[in-house]
All heavy atoms as atom14 arrays in JSON, in Angstrom:
{
  "sequence": "IKQVLLTNGFELLDEKRSQIVEQINNVIINQVHHNNSDKREMEKYSDY",
  "atom14_mask": [
    [1, 1, 1, 1, 1, 1, 1, 1, 0, 0, 0, 0, 0, 0],
    [1, 1, 1, 1, 1, 1, 1, 1, 1, 0, 0, 0, 0, 0],
    [1, 1, 1, 1, 1, 1, 1, 1, 1, 0, 0, 0, 0, 0],
    [1, 1, 1, 1, 1, 1, 1, 0, 0, 0, 0, 0, 0, 0],
    [1, 1, 1, 1, 1, 1, 1, 1, 0, 0, 0, 0, 0, 0],
    [1, 1, 1, 1, 1, 1, 1, 1, 0, 0, 0, 0, 0, 0],
    [1, 1, 1, 1, 1, 1, 1, 0, 0, 0, 0, 0, 0, 0],
    [1, 1, 1, 1, 1, 1, 1, 1, 0, 0, 0, 0, 0, 0],
    [1, 1, 1, 1, 0, 0, 0, 0, 0, 0, 0, 0, 0, 0],
    [1, 1, 1, 1, 1, 1, 1, 1, 1, 1, 1, 0, 0, 0],
    [1, 1, 1, 1, 1, 1, 1, 1, 1, 0, 0, 0, 0, 0],
    [1, 1, 1, 1, 1, 1, 1, 1, 0, 0, 0, 0, 0, 0],
    [1, 1, 1, 1, 1, 1, 1, 1, 0, 0, 0, 0, 0, 0],
    [1, 1, 1, 1, 1, 1, 1, 1, 0, 0, 0, 0, 0, 0],
    [1, 1, 1, 1, 1, 1, 1, 1, 1, 0, 0, 0, 0, 0],
    [1, 1, 1, 1, 1, 1, 1, 1, 1, 0, 0, 0, 0, 0],
    [1, 1, 1, 1, 1, 1, 1, 1, 1, 1, 1, 0, 0, 0],
    [1, 1, 1, 1, 1, 1, 0, 0, 0, 0, 0, 0, 0, 0],
    [1, 1, 1, 1, 1, 1, 1, 1, 1, 0, 0, 0, 0, 0],
    [1, 1, 1, 1, 1, 1, 1, 1, 0, 0, 0, 0, 0, 0],
    [1, 1, 1, 1, 1, 1, 1, 0, 0, 0, 0, 0, 0, 0],
    [1, 1, 1, 1, 1, 1, 1, 1, 1, 0, 0, 0, 0, 0],
    [1, 1, 1, 1, 1, 1, 1, 1, 1, 0, 0, 0, 0, 0],
    [1, 1, 1, 1, 1, 1, 1, 1, 0, 0, 0, 0, 0, 0],
    [1, 1, 1, 1, 1, 1, 1, 1, 0, 0, 0, 0, 0, 0],
    [1, 1, 1, 1, 1, 1, 1, 1, 0, 0, 0, 0, 0, 0],
    [1, 1, 1, 1, 1, 1, 1, 0, 0, 0, 0, 0, 0, 0],
    [1, 1, 1, 1, 1, 1, 1, 1, 0, 0, 0, 0, 0, 0],
    [1, 1, 1, 1, 1, 1, 1, 1, 0, 0, 0, 0, 0, 0],
    [1, 1, 1, 1, 1, 1, 1, 1, 0, 0, 0, 0, 0, 0],
    [1, 1, 1, 1, 1, 1, 1, 1, 1, 0, 0, 0, 0, 0],
    [1, 1, 1, 1, 1, 1, 1, 0, 0, 0, 0, 0, 0, 0],
    [1, 1, 1, 1, 1, 1, 1, 1, 1, 1, 0, 0, 0, 0],
    [1, 1, 1, 1, 1, 1, 1, 1, 1, 1, 0, 0, 0, 0],
    [1, 1, 1, 1, 1, 1, 1, 1, 0, 0, 0, 0, 0, 0],
    [1, 1, 1, 1, 1, 1, 1, 1, 0, 0, 0, 0, 0, 0],
    [1, 1, 1, 1, 1, 1, 0, 0, 0, 0, 0, 0, 0, 0],
    [1, 1, 1, 1, 1, 1, 1, 1, 0, 0, 0, 0, 0, 0],
    [1, 1, 1, 1, 1, 1, 1, 1, 1, 0, 0, 0, 0, 0],
    [1, 1, 1, 1, 1, 1, 1, 1, 1, 1, 1, 0, 0, 0],
    [1, 1, 1, 1, 1, 1, 1, 1, 1, 0, 0, 0, 0, 0],
    [1, 1, 1, 1, 1, 1, 1, 1, 0, 0, 0, 0, 0, 0],
    [1, 1, 1, 1, 1, 1, 1, 1, 1, 0, 0, 0, 0, 0],
    [1, 1, 1, 1, 1, 1, 1, 1, 1, 0, 0, 0, 0, 0],
    [1, 1, 1, 1, 1, 1, 1, 1, 1, 1, 1, 1, 0, 0],
    [1, 1, 1, 1, 1, 1, 0, 0, 0, 0, 0, 0, 0, 0],
    [1, 1, 1, 1, 1, 1, 1, 1, 0, 0, 0, 0, 0, 0],
    [1, 1, 1, 1, 1, 1, 1, 1, 1, 1, 1, 1, 0, 0]
  ],
  "atom14_positions": [
    [[7.97, -19.36, 4.6], [7.75, -17.93, 4.4], [6.35, -17.55, 4.86], [6.17, -16.58, 5.6], [7.98, -17.52, 2.92], [9.46, -17.65, 2.56], [7.47, -16.11, 2.65], [9.75, -17.53, 1.08], [0.0, 0.0, 0.0], [0.0, 0.0, 0.0], [0.0, 0.0, 0.0], [0.0, 0.0, 0.0], [0.0, 0.0, 0.0], [0.0, 0.0, 0.0]],
    [[5.35, -18.31, 4.42], [3.97, -18.02, 4.81], [3.82, -18.06, 6.32], [3.18, -17.19, 6.91], [3.01, -19.03, 4.17], [2.79, -18.8, 2.7], [1.83, -19.83, 2.13], [1.61, -19.61, 0.64], [0.69, -20.59, 0.06], [0.0, 0.0, 0.0], [0.0, 0.0, 0.0], [0.0, 0.0, 0.0], [0.0, 0.0, 0.0], [0.0, 0.0, 0.0]],
    [[4.42, -19.06, 6.97], [4.29, -19.21, 8.43], [4.95, -18.06, 9.18], [4.37, -17.5, 10.1], [4.89, -20.55, 8.88], [4.68, -20.84, 10.35], [3.23, -20.83, 10.75], [2.39, -21.42, 10.1], [2.91, -20.12, 11.83], [0.0, 0.0, 0.0], [0.0, 0.0, 0.0], [0.0, 0.0, 0.0], [0.0, 0.0, 0.0], [0.0, 0.0, 0.0]],
    [[6.16, -17.68, 8.77], [6.86, -16.61, 9.47], [6.14, -15.27, 9.25], [6.09, -14.43, 10.16], [8.36, -16.55, 9.07], [8.58, -15.93, 7.71], [9.17, -15.82, 10.11], [0.0, 0.0, 0.0], [0.0, 0.0, 0.0], [0.0, 0.0, 0.0], [0.0, 0.0, 0.0], [0.0, 0.0, 0.0], [0.0, 0.0, 0.0], [0.0, 0.0, 0.0]],
    [[5.56, -15.08, 8.07], [4.79, -13.85, 7.84], [3.55, -13.82, 8.73], [3.26, -12.8, 9.37], [4.41, -13.73, 6.37], [5.54, -13.44, 5.39], [5.05, -13.48, 3.95], [6.23, -12.13, 5.69], [0.0, 0.0, 0.0], [0.0, 0.0, 0.0], [0.0, 0.0, 0.0], [0.0, 0.0, 0.0], [0.0, 0.0, 0.0], [0.0, 0.0, 0.0]],
    [[2.82, -14.93, 8.79], [1.62, -14.99, 9.64], [1.96, -14.75, 11.1], [1.24, -14.04, 11.81], [0.92, -16.34, 9.48], [0.08, -16.51, 8.22], [-0.42, -17.95, 8.09], [-1.09, -15.54, 8.2], [0.0, 0.0, 0.0], [0.0, 0.0, 0.0], [0.0, 0.0, 0.0], [0.0, 0.0, 0.0], [0.0, 0.0, 0.0], [0.0, 0.0, 0.0]],
    [[3.06, -15.32, 11.55], [3.49, -15.15, 12.94], [3.71, -13.68, 13.29], [3.48, -13.25, 14.41], [4.8, -15.94, 13.19], [4.54, -17.32, 12.93], [5.28, -15.79, 14.62], [0.0, 0.0, 0.0], [0.0, 0.0, 0.0], [0.0, 0.0, 0.0], [0.0, 0.0, 0.0], [0.0, 0.0, 0.0], [0.0, 0.0, 0.0], [0.0, 0.0, 0.0]],
    [[4.12, -12.9, 12.29], [4.41, -11.48, 12.5], [3.27, -10.55, 12.07], [3.45, -9.34, 11.99], [5.69, -11.1, 11.76], [6.91, -11.64, 12.46], [7.33, -11.12, 13.48], [7.47, -12.72, 11.93], [0.0, 0.0, 0.0], [0.0, 0.0, 0.0], [0.0, 0.0, 0.0], [0.0, 0.0, 0.0], [0.0, 0.0, 0.0], [0.0, 0.0, 0.0]],
    [[2.1, -11.12, 11.77], [0.95, -10.29, 11.43], [0.83, -9.92, 9.97], [0.08, -9.01, 9.61], [0.0, 0.0, 0.0], [0.0, 0.0, 0.0], [0.0, 0.0, 0.0], [0.0, 0.0, 0.0], [0.0, 0.0, 0.0], [0.0, 0.0, 0.0], [0.0, 0.0, 0.0], [0.0, 0.0, 0.0], [0.0, 0.0, 0.0], [0.0, 0.0, 0.0]],
    [[1.58, -10.6, 9.11], [1.53, -10.34, 7.67], [0.9, -11.54, 6.97], [0.7, -12.58, 7.57], [2.94, -10.1, 7.11], [3.69, -9.01, 7.82], [4.75, -9.31, 8.66], [3.32, -7.69, 7.67], [5.44, -8.31, 9.32], [4.0, -6.68, 8.33], [5.06, -7.0, 9.15], [0.0, 0.0, 0.0], [0.0, 0.0, 0.0], [0.0, 0.0, 0.0]],
    [[0.63, -11.35, 5.69], [0.01, -12.43, 4.93], [0.5, -12.37, 3.49], [0.55, -11.29, 2.89], [-1.51, -12.27, 4.97], [-2.28, -13.32, 4.25], [-3.78, -13.04, 4.29], [-4.24, -12.27, 5.16], [-4.48, -13.6, 3.45], [0.0, 0.0, 0.0], [0.0, 0.0, 0.0], [0.0, 0.0, 0.0], [0.0, 0.0, 0.0], [0.0, 0.0, 0.0]],
    [[0.88, -13.51, 2.95], [1.28, -13.6, 1.56], [0.03, -13.58, 0.7], [-0.9, -14.34, 0.94], [2.06, -14.89, 1.34], [2.98, -14.98, 0.14], [4.0, -13.85, 0.15], [3.7, -16.31, 0.14], [0.0, 0.0, 0.0], [0.0, 0.0, 0.0], [0.0, 0.0, 0.0], [0.0, 0.0, 0.0], [0.0, 0.0, 0.0], [0.0, 0.0, 0.0]],
    [[0.0, -12.7, -0.28], [-1.17, -12.58, -1.15], [-0.93, -13.36, -2.44], [0.04, -13.12, -3.14], [-1.45, -11.12, -1.48], [-1.83, -10.24, -0.29], [-1.89, -8.78, -0.71], [-3.16, -10.68, 0.28], [0.0, 0.0, 0.0], [0.0, 0.0, 0.0], [0.0, 0.0, 0.0], [0.0, 0.0, 0.0], [0.0, 0.0, 0.0], [0.0, 0.0, 0.0]],
    [[-1.83, -14.3, -2.72], [-1.68, -15.14, -3.9], [-2.53, -14.66, -5.06], [-2.14, -14.74, -6.21], [-2.06, -16.59, -3.57], [-1.14, -17.19, -2.53], [0.05, -16.85, -2.52], [-1.62, -18.0, -1.72], [0.0, 0.0, 0.0], [0.0, 0.0, 0.0], [0.0, 0.0, 0.0], [0.0, 0.0, 0.0], [0.0, 0.0, 0.0], [0.0, 0.0, 0.0]],
    [[-3.7, -14.15, -4.77], [-4.67, -13.82, -5.81], [-4.43, -12.42, -6.34], [-4.2, -11.48, -5.59], [-6.08, -13.95, -5.21], [-7.17, -14.12, -6.21], [-7.94, -12.83, -6.4], [-8.26, -12.17, -5.41], [-8.18, -12.49, -7.56], [0.0, 0.0, 0.0], [0.0, 0.0, 0.0], [0.0, 0.0, 0.0], [0.0, 0.0, 0.0], [0.0, 0.0, 0.0]],
    [[-4.45, -12.25, -7.65], [-4.11, -10.98, -8.32], [-4.96, -9.81, -7.83], [-4.46, -8.72, -7.59], [-4.24, -11.16, -9.84], [-3.84, -9.95, -10.63], [-2.36, -9.7, -10.56], [-1.97, -8.55, -11.47], [-0.66, -8.02, -11.17], [0.0, 0.0, 0.0], [0.0, 0.0, 0.0], [0.0, 0.0, 0.0], [0.0, 0.0, 0.0], [0.0, 0.0, 0.0]],
    [[-6.26, -10.02, -7.67], [-7.14, -8.93, -7.23], [-6.76, -8.47, -5.83], [-6.74, -7.27, -5.56], [-8.6, -9.38, -7.29], [-9.1, -9.59, -8.7], [-10.44, -10.32, -8.81], [-11.3, -10.29, -7.66], [-12.43, -9.58, -7.57], [-12.84, -8.85, -8.6], [-13.16, -9.62, -6.49], [0.0, 0.0, 0.0], [0.0, 0.0, 0.0], [0.0, 0.0, 0.0]],
    [[-6.45, -9.39, -4.94], [-6.02, -9.03, -3.59], [-4.69, -8.28, -3.62], [-4.47, -7.37, -2.82], [-5.89, -10.28, -2.72], [-7.13, -10.89, -2.54], [0.0, 0.0, 0.0], [0.0, 0.0, 0.0], [0.0, 0.0, 0.0], [0.0, 0.0, 0.0], [0.0, 0.0, 0.0], [0.0, 0.0, 0.0], [0.0, 0.0, 0.0], [0.0, 0.0, 0.0]],
    [[-3.82, -8.65, -4.54], [-2.55, -7.96, -4.67], [-2.77, -6.51, -5.09], [-2.11, -5.6, -4.56], [-1.66, -8.67, -5.69], [-1.19, -10.03, -5.25], [-0.44, -10.78, -6.34], [-0.23, -10.26, -7.44], [-0.05, -12.0, -6.05], [0.0, 0.0, 0.0], [0.0, 0.0, 0.0], [0.0, 0.0, 0.0], [0.0, 0.0, 0.0], [0.0, 0.0, 0.0]],
    [[-3.69, -6.29, -6.01], [-3.98, -4.92, -6.46], [-4.55, -4.09, -5.32], [-4.15, -2.94, -5.11], [-4.93, -4.93, -7.68], [-4.23, -5.53, -8.9], [-5.42, -3.51, -7.99], [-5.13, -5.8, -10.09], [0.0, 0.0, 0.0], [0.0, 0.0, 0.0], [0.0, 0.0, 0.0], [0.0, 0.0, 0.0], [0.0, 0.0, 0.0], [0.0, 0.0, 0.0]],
    [[-5.46, -4.67, -4.54], [-6.04, -3.96, -3.4], [-4.94, -3.6, -2.39], [-4.9, -2.48, -1.88], [-7.17, -4.78, -2.74], [-7.55, -4.21, -1.38], [-8.38, -4.84, -3.65], [0.0, 0.0, 0.0], [0.0, 0.0, 0.0], [0.0, 0.0, 0.0], [0.0, 0.0, 0.0], [0.0, 0.0, 0.0], [0.0, 0.0, 0.0], [0.0, 0.0, 0.0]],
    [[-4.04, -4.51, -2.13], [-2.95, -4.23, -1.2], [-2.04, -3.14, -1.76], [-1.56, -2.28, -1.02], [-2.16, -5.5, -0.89], [-1.18, -5.35, 0.24], [-1.81, -5.03, 1.59], [-3.04, -5.21, 1.78], [-1.07, -4.58, 2.48], [0.0, 0.0, 0.0], [0.0, 0.0, 0.0], [0.0, 0.0, 0.0], [0.0, 0.0, 0.0], [0.0, 0.0, 0.0]],
    [[-1.81, -3.14, -3.07], [-1.02, -2.08, -3.69], [-1.72, -0.73, -3.51], [-1.06, 0.27, -3.22], [-0.79, -2.37, -5.17], [0.19, -3.49, -5.43], [0.32, -3.77, -6.91], [-0.63, -4.16, -7.57], [1.51, -3.56, -7.44], [0.0, 0.0, 0.0], [0.0, 0.0, 0.0], [0.0, 0.0, 0.0], [0.0, 0.0, 0.0], [0.0, 0.0, 0.0]],
    [[-3.02, -0.7, -3.68], [-3.79, 0.54, -3.48], [-3.59, 1.03, -2.04], [-3.28, 2.2, -1.81], [-5.29, 0.33, -3.78], [-5.51, 0.09, -5.28], [-6.12, 1.54, -3.3], [-6.91, -0.41, -5.63], [0.0, 0.0, 0.0], [0.0, 0.0, 0.0], [0.0, 0.0, 0.0], [0.0, 0.0, 0.0], [0.0, 0.0, 0.0], [0.0, 0.0, 0.0]],
    [[-3.76, 0.13, -1.08], [-3.57, 0.49, 0.33], [-2.18, 1.06, 0.56], [-2.03, 2.1, 1.23], [-3.78, -0.72, 1.23], [-5.23, -1.11, 1.37], [-6.13, -0.33, 1.11], [-5.48, -2.34, 1.77], [0.0, 0.0, 0.0], [0.0, 0.0, 0.0], [0.0, 0.0, 0.0], [0.0, 0.0, 0.0], [0.0, 0.0, 0.0], [0.0, 0.0, 0.0]],
    [[-1.17, 0.41, 0.02], [0.2, 0.86, 0.26], [0.5, 2.2, -0.39], [1.2, 3.03, 0.2], [1.19, -0.22, -0.19], [1.18, -1.41, 0.73], [1.0, -1.27, 1.93], [1.34, -2.59, 0.17], [0.0, 0.0, 0.0], [0.0, 0.0, 0.0], [0.0, 0.0, 0.0], [0.0, 0.0, 0.0], [0.0, 0.0, 0.0], [0.0, 0.0, 0.0]],
    [[-0.02, 2.43, -1.58], [0.19, 3.72, -2.24], [-0.45, 4.84, -1.41], [0.15, 5.88, -1.18], [-0.38, 3.7, -3.69], [-0.47, 5.1, -4.27], [0.48, 2.81, -4.57], [0.0, 0.0, 0.0], [0.0, 0.0, 0.0], [0.0, 0.0, 0.0], [0.0, 0.0, 0.0], [0.0, 0.0, 0.0], [0.0, 0.0, 0.0], [0.0, 0.0, 0.0]],
    [[-1.67, 4.6, -0.93], [-2.37, 5.62, -0.13], [-1.65, 5.86, 1.19], [-1.41, 7.01, 1.58], [-3.84, 5.2, 0.11], [-4.61, 5.24, -1.22], [-4.5, 6.1, 1.16], [-5.97, 4.58, -1.19], [0.0, 0.0, 0.0], [0.0, 0.0, 0.0], [0.0, 0.0, 0.0], [0.0, 0.0, 0.0], [0.0, 0.0, 0.0], [0.0, 0.0, 0.0]],
    [[-1.29, 4.79, 1.88], [-0.58, 4.93, 3.16], [0.72, 5.69, 2.96], [1.07, 6.58, 3.73], [-0.35, 3.55, 3.82], [-1.68, 3.0, 4.34], [0.68, 3.63, 4.94], [-1.64, 1.55, 4.76], [0.0, 0.0, 0.0], [0.0, 0.0, 0.0], [0.0, 0.0, 0.0], [0.0, 0.0, 0.0], [0.0, 0.0, 0.0], [0.0, 0.0, 0.0]],
    [[1.45, 5.35, 1.92], [2.71, 6.02, 1.64], [2.48, 7.51, 1.38], [3.21, 8.36, 1.89], [3.42, 5.36, 0.46], [4.85, 5.81, 0.36], [5.58, 5.84, 1.34], [5.26, 6.17, -0.83], [0.0, 0.0, 0.0], [0.0, 0.0, 0.0], [0.0, 0.0, 0.0], [0.0, 0.0, 0.0], [0.0, 0.0, 0.0], [0.0, 0.0, 0.0]],
    [[1.46, 7.84, 0.59], [1.18, 9.25, 0.28], [0.75, 10.02, 1.52], [1.22, 11.14, 1.74], [0.07, 9.36, -0.77], [0.56, 9.34, -2.19], [1.55, 10.43, -2.5], [2.76, 10.23, -2.42], [1.07, 11.59, -2.86], [0.0, 0.0, 0.0], [0.0, 0.0, 0.0], [0.0, 0.0, 0.0], [0.0, 0.0, 0.0], [0.0, 0.0, 0.0]],
    [[-0.11, 9.46, 2.33], [-0.64, 10.18, 3.49], [0.39, 10.24, 4.62], [0.6, 11.3, 5.22], [-1.95, 9.54, 4.0], [-2.4, 10.18, 5.31], [-3.05, 9.66, 2.95], [0.0, 0.0, 0.0], [0.0, 0.0, 0.0], [0.0, 0.0, 0.0], [0.0, 0.0, 0.0], [0.0, 0.0, 0.0], [0.0, 0.0, 0.0], [0.0, 0.0, 0.0]],
    [[1.04, 9.14, 4.91], [1.87, 9.06, 6.11], [3.37, 9.25, 5.88], [4.08, 9.6, 6.82], [1.65, 7.72, 6.81], [0.26, 7.55, 7.3], [-0.19, 8.08, 8.49], [-0.82, 6.92, 6.75], [-1.46, 7.78, 8.66], [-1.86, 7.08, 7.61], [0.0, 0.0, 0.0], [0.0, 0.0, 0.0], [0.0, 0.0, 0.0], [0.0, 0.0, 0.0]],
    [[3.85, 9.0, 4.68], [5.31, 9.0, 4.48], [5.8, 9.95, 3.4], [6.98, 10.04, 3.16], [5.78, 7.58, 4.15], [5.33, 6.56, 5.13], [5.72, 6.55, 6.46], [4.48, 5.51, 5.0], [5.14, 5.54, 7.08], [4.39, 4.9, 6.23], [0.0, 0.0, 0.0], [0.0, 0.0, 0.0], [0.0, 0.0, 0.0], [0.0, 0.0, 0.0]],
    [[4.9, 10.65, 2.74], [5.3, 11.56, 1.67], [5.58, 12.94, 2.25], [4.69, 13.57, 2.79], [4.19, 11.65, 0.6], [4.57, 12.55, -0.54], [5.71, 12.96, -0.67], [3.6, 12.87, -1.36], [0.0, 0.0, 0.0], [0.0, 0.0, 0.0], [0.0, 0.0, 0.0], [0.0, 0.0, 0.0], [0.0, 0.0, 0.0], [0.0, 0.0, 0.0]],
    [[6.8, 13.38, 2.11], [7.18, 14.69, 2.66], [7.31, 15.76, 1.6], [7.79, 16.85, 1.87], [8.51, 14.57, 3.42], [8.35, 13.7, 4.64], [7.33, 13.73, 5.31], [9.36, 12.89, 4.93], [0.0, 0.0, 0.0], [0.0, 0.0, 0.0], [0.0, 0.0, 0.0], [0.0, 0.0, 0.0], [0.0, 0.0, 0.0], [0.0, 0.0, 0.0]],
    [[6.9, 15.47, 0.37], [7.0, 16.48, -0.68], [5.94, 17.55, -0.47], [5.05, 17.41, 0.36], [6.85, 15.84, -2.06], [5.55, 15.29, -2.2], [0.0, 0.0, 0.0], [0.0, 0.0, 0.0], [0.0, 0.0, 0.0], [0.0, 0.0, 0.0], [0.0, 0.0, 0.0], [0.0, 0.0, 0.0], [0.0, 0.0, 0.0], [0.0, 0.0, 0.0]],
    [[6.02, 18.59, -1.24], [5.09, 19.71, -1.12], [3.68, 19.24, -1.45], [3.37, 18.9, -2.58], [5.51, 20.84, -2.06], [4.71, 22.11, -1.82], [3.7, 22.07, -1.08], [5.11, 23.15, -2.37], [0.0, 0.0, 0.0], [0.0, 0.0, 0.0], [0.0, 0.0, 0.0], [0.0, 0.0, 0.0], [0.0, 0.0, 0.0], [0.0, 0.0, 0.0]],
    [[2.81, 19.21, -0.45], [1.45, 18.68, -0.62], [0.62, 19.54, -1.58], [-0.3, 19.04, -2.18], [0.73, 18.59, 0.73], [1.43, 17.74, 1.77], [1.35, 16.28, 1.44], [1.97, 15.48, 2.58], [1.79, 14.1, 2.5], [0.0, 0.0, 0.0], [0.0, 0.0, 0.0], [0.0, 0.0, 0.0], [0.0, 0.0, 0.0], [0.0, 0.0, 0.0]],
    [[0.93, 20.82, -1.71], [0.16, 21.68, -2.6], [0.25, 21.21, -4.04], [-0.62, 21.47, -4.83], [0.65, 23.13, -2.51], [0.34, 23.79, -1.18], [1.06, 25.09, -1.09], [2.49, 24.78, -1.0], [3.44, 25.66, -0.81], [3.16, 26.92, -0.71], [4.7, 25.29, -0.73], [0.0, 0.0, 0.0], [0.0, 0.0, 0.0], [0.0, 0.0, 0.0]],
    [[1.34, 20.52, -4.38], [1.54, 20.1, -5.75], [1.11, 18.66, -5.98], [1.32, 18.12, -7.05], [3.01, 20.3, -6.12], [3.43, 21.73, -5.89], [4.58, 22.16, -6.75], [5.02, 21.38, -7.59], [5.02, 23.29, -6.56], [0.0, 0.0, 0.0], [0.0, 0.0, 0.0], [0.0, 0.0, 0.0], [0.0, 0.0, 0.0], [0.0, 0.0, 0.0]],
    [[0.5, 18.05, -4.98], [0.09, 16.66, -5.1], [-1.11, 16.54, -6.03], [-2.07, 17.3, -5.92], [-0.26, 16.09, -3.72], [-0.36, 14.59, -3.72], [-0.66, 13.97, -2.07], [-2.42, 13.82, -2.14], [0.0, 0.0, 0.0], [0.0, 0.0, 0.0], [0.0, 0.0, 0.0], [0.0, 0.0, 0.0], [0.0, 0.0, 0.0], [0.0, 0.0, 0.0]],
    [[-1.05, 15.57, -6.94], [-2.17, 15.36, -7.85], [-3.31, 14.65, -7.12], [-3.14, 14.15, -6.01], [-1.71, 14.56, -9.07], [-1.2, 13.17, -8.74], [-0.52, 12.5, -9.94], [-1.14, 12.39, -11.0], [0.64, 12.09, -9.77], [0.0, 0.0, 0.0], [0.0, 0.0, 0.0], [0.0, 0.0, 0.0], [0.0, 0.0, 0.0], [0.0, 0.0, 0.0]],
    [[-4.48, 14.62, -7.75], [-5.62, 13.95, -7.14], [-5.28, 12.48, -6.91], [-4.56, 11.87, -7.7], [-6.84, 14.06, -8.06], [-7.38, 15.45, -8.21], [-8.68, 15.56, -8.98], [-8.9, 14.52, -10.03], [-10.09, 14.75, -10.86], [0.0, 0.0, 0.0], [0.0, 0.0, 0.0], [0.0, 0.0, 0.0], [0.0, 0.0, 0.0], [0.0, 0.0, 0.0]],
    [[-5.82, 11.92, -5.84], [-5.56, 10.52, -5.52], [-5.97, 9.6, -6.66], [-5.29, 8.63, -6.96], [-6.26, 10.11, -4.23], [-5.52, 10.51, -3.0], [-5.87, 11.65, -2.28], [-4.45, 9.77, -2.53], [-5.18, 12.03, -1.14], [-3.74, 10.14, -1.4], [-4.11, 11.26, -0.71], [-3.42, 11.63, 0.4], [0.0, 0.0, 0.0], [0.0, 0.0, 0.0]],
    [[-7.09, 9.89, -7.31], [-7.55, 9.03, -8.4], [-6.52, 9.0, -9.54], [-6.18, 7.92, -10.05], [-8.91, 9.48, -8.92], [-8.86, 10.84, -9.33], [0.0, 0.0, 0.0], [0.0, 0.0, 0.0], [0.0, 0.0, 0.0], [0.0, 0.0, 0.0], [0.0, 0.0, 0.0], [0.0, 0.0, 0.0], [0.0, 0.0, 0.0], [0.0, 0.0, 0.0]],
    [[-6.0, 10.15, -9.89], [-4.98, 10.21, -10.95], [-3.68, 9.55, -10.5], [-3.03, 8.83, -11.27], [-4.7, 11.67, -11.34], [-5.9, 12.34, -11.99], [-6.78, 11.63, -12.51], [-5.94, 13.59, -11.96], [0.0, 0.0, 0.0], [0.0, 0.0, 0.0], [0.0, 0.0, 0.0], [0.0, 0.0, 0.0], [0.0, 0.0, 0.0], [0.0, 0.0, 0.0]],
    [[-3.31, 9.8, -9.26], [-2.07, 9.25, -8.72], [-2.13, 7.72, -8.68], [-1.2, 7.04, -9.12], [-1.81, 9.83, -7.33], [-0.49, 9.41, -6.74], [0.7, 9.93, -7.22], [-0.43, 8.51, -5.68], [1.92, 9.56, -6.69], [0.79, 8.14, -5.13], [1.96, 8.66, -5.64], [3.17, 8.3, -5.11], [0.0, 0.0, 0.0], [0.0, 0.0, 0.0]]
  ]
}
């Protein structure tokens, strides 16, 4: 699994702190690039 992920530009995260940082990145990316809901009603990023 680790090898096939690396081959495709991904990385398995083992350490809890790194997992949280990756979760932060994914939440932000999803909100900015993939969220089609009404942006006027979006809460602050810190709260979200």
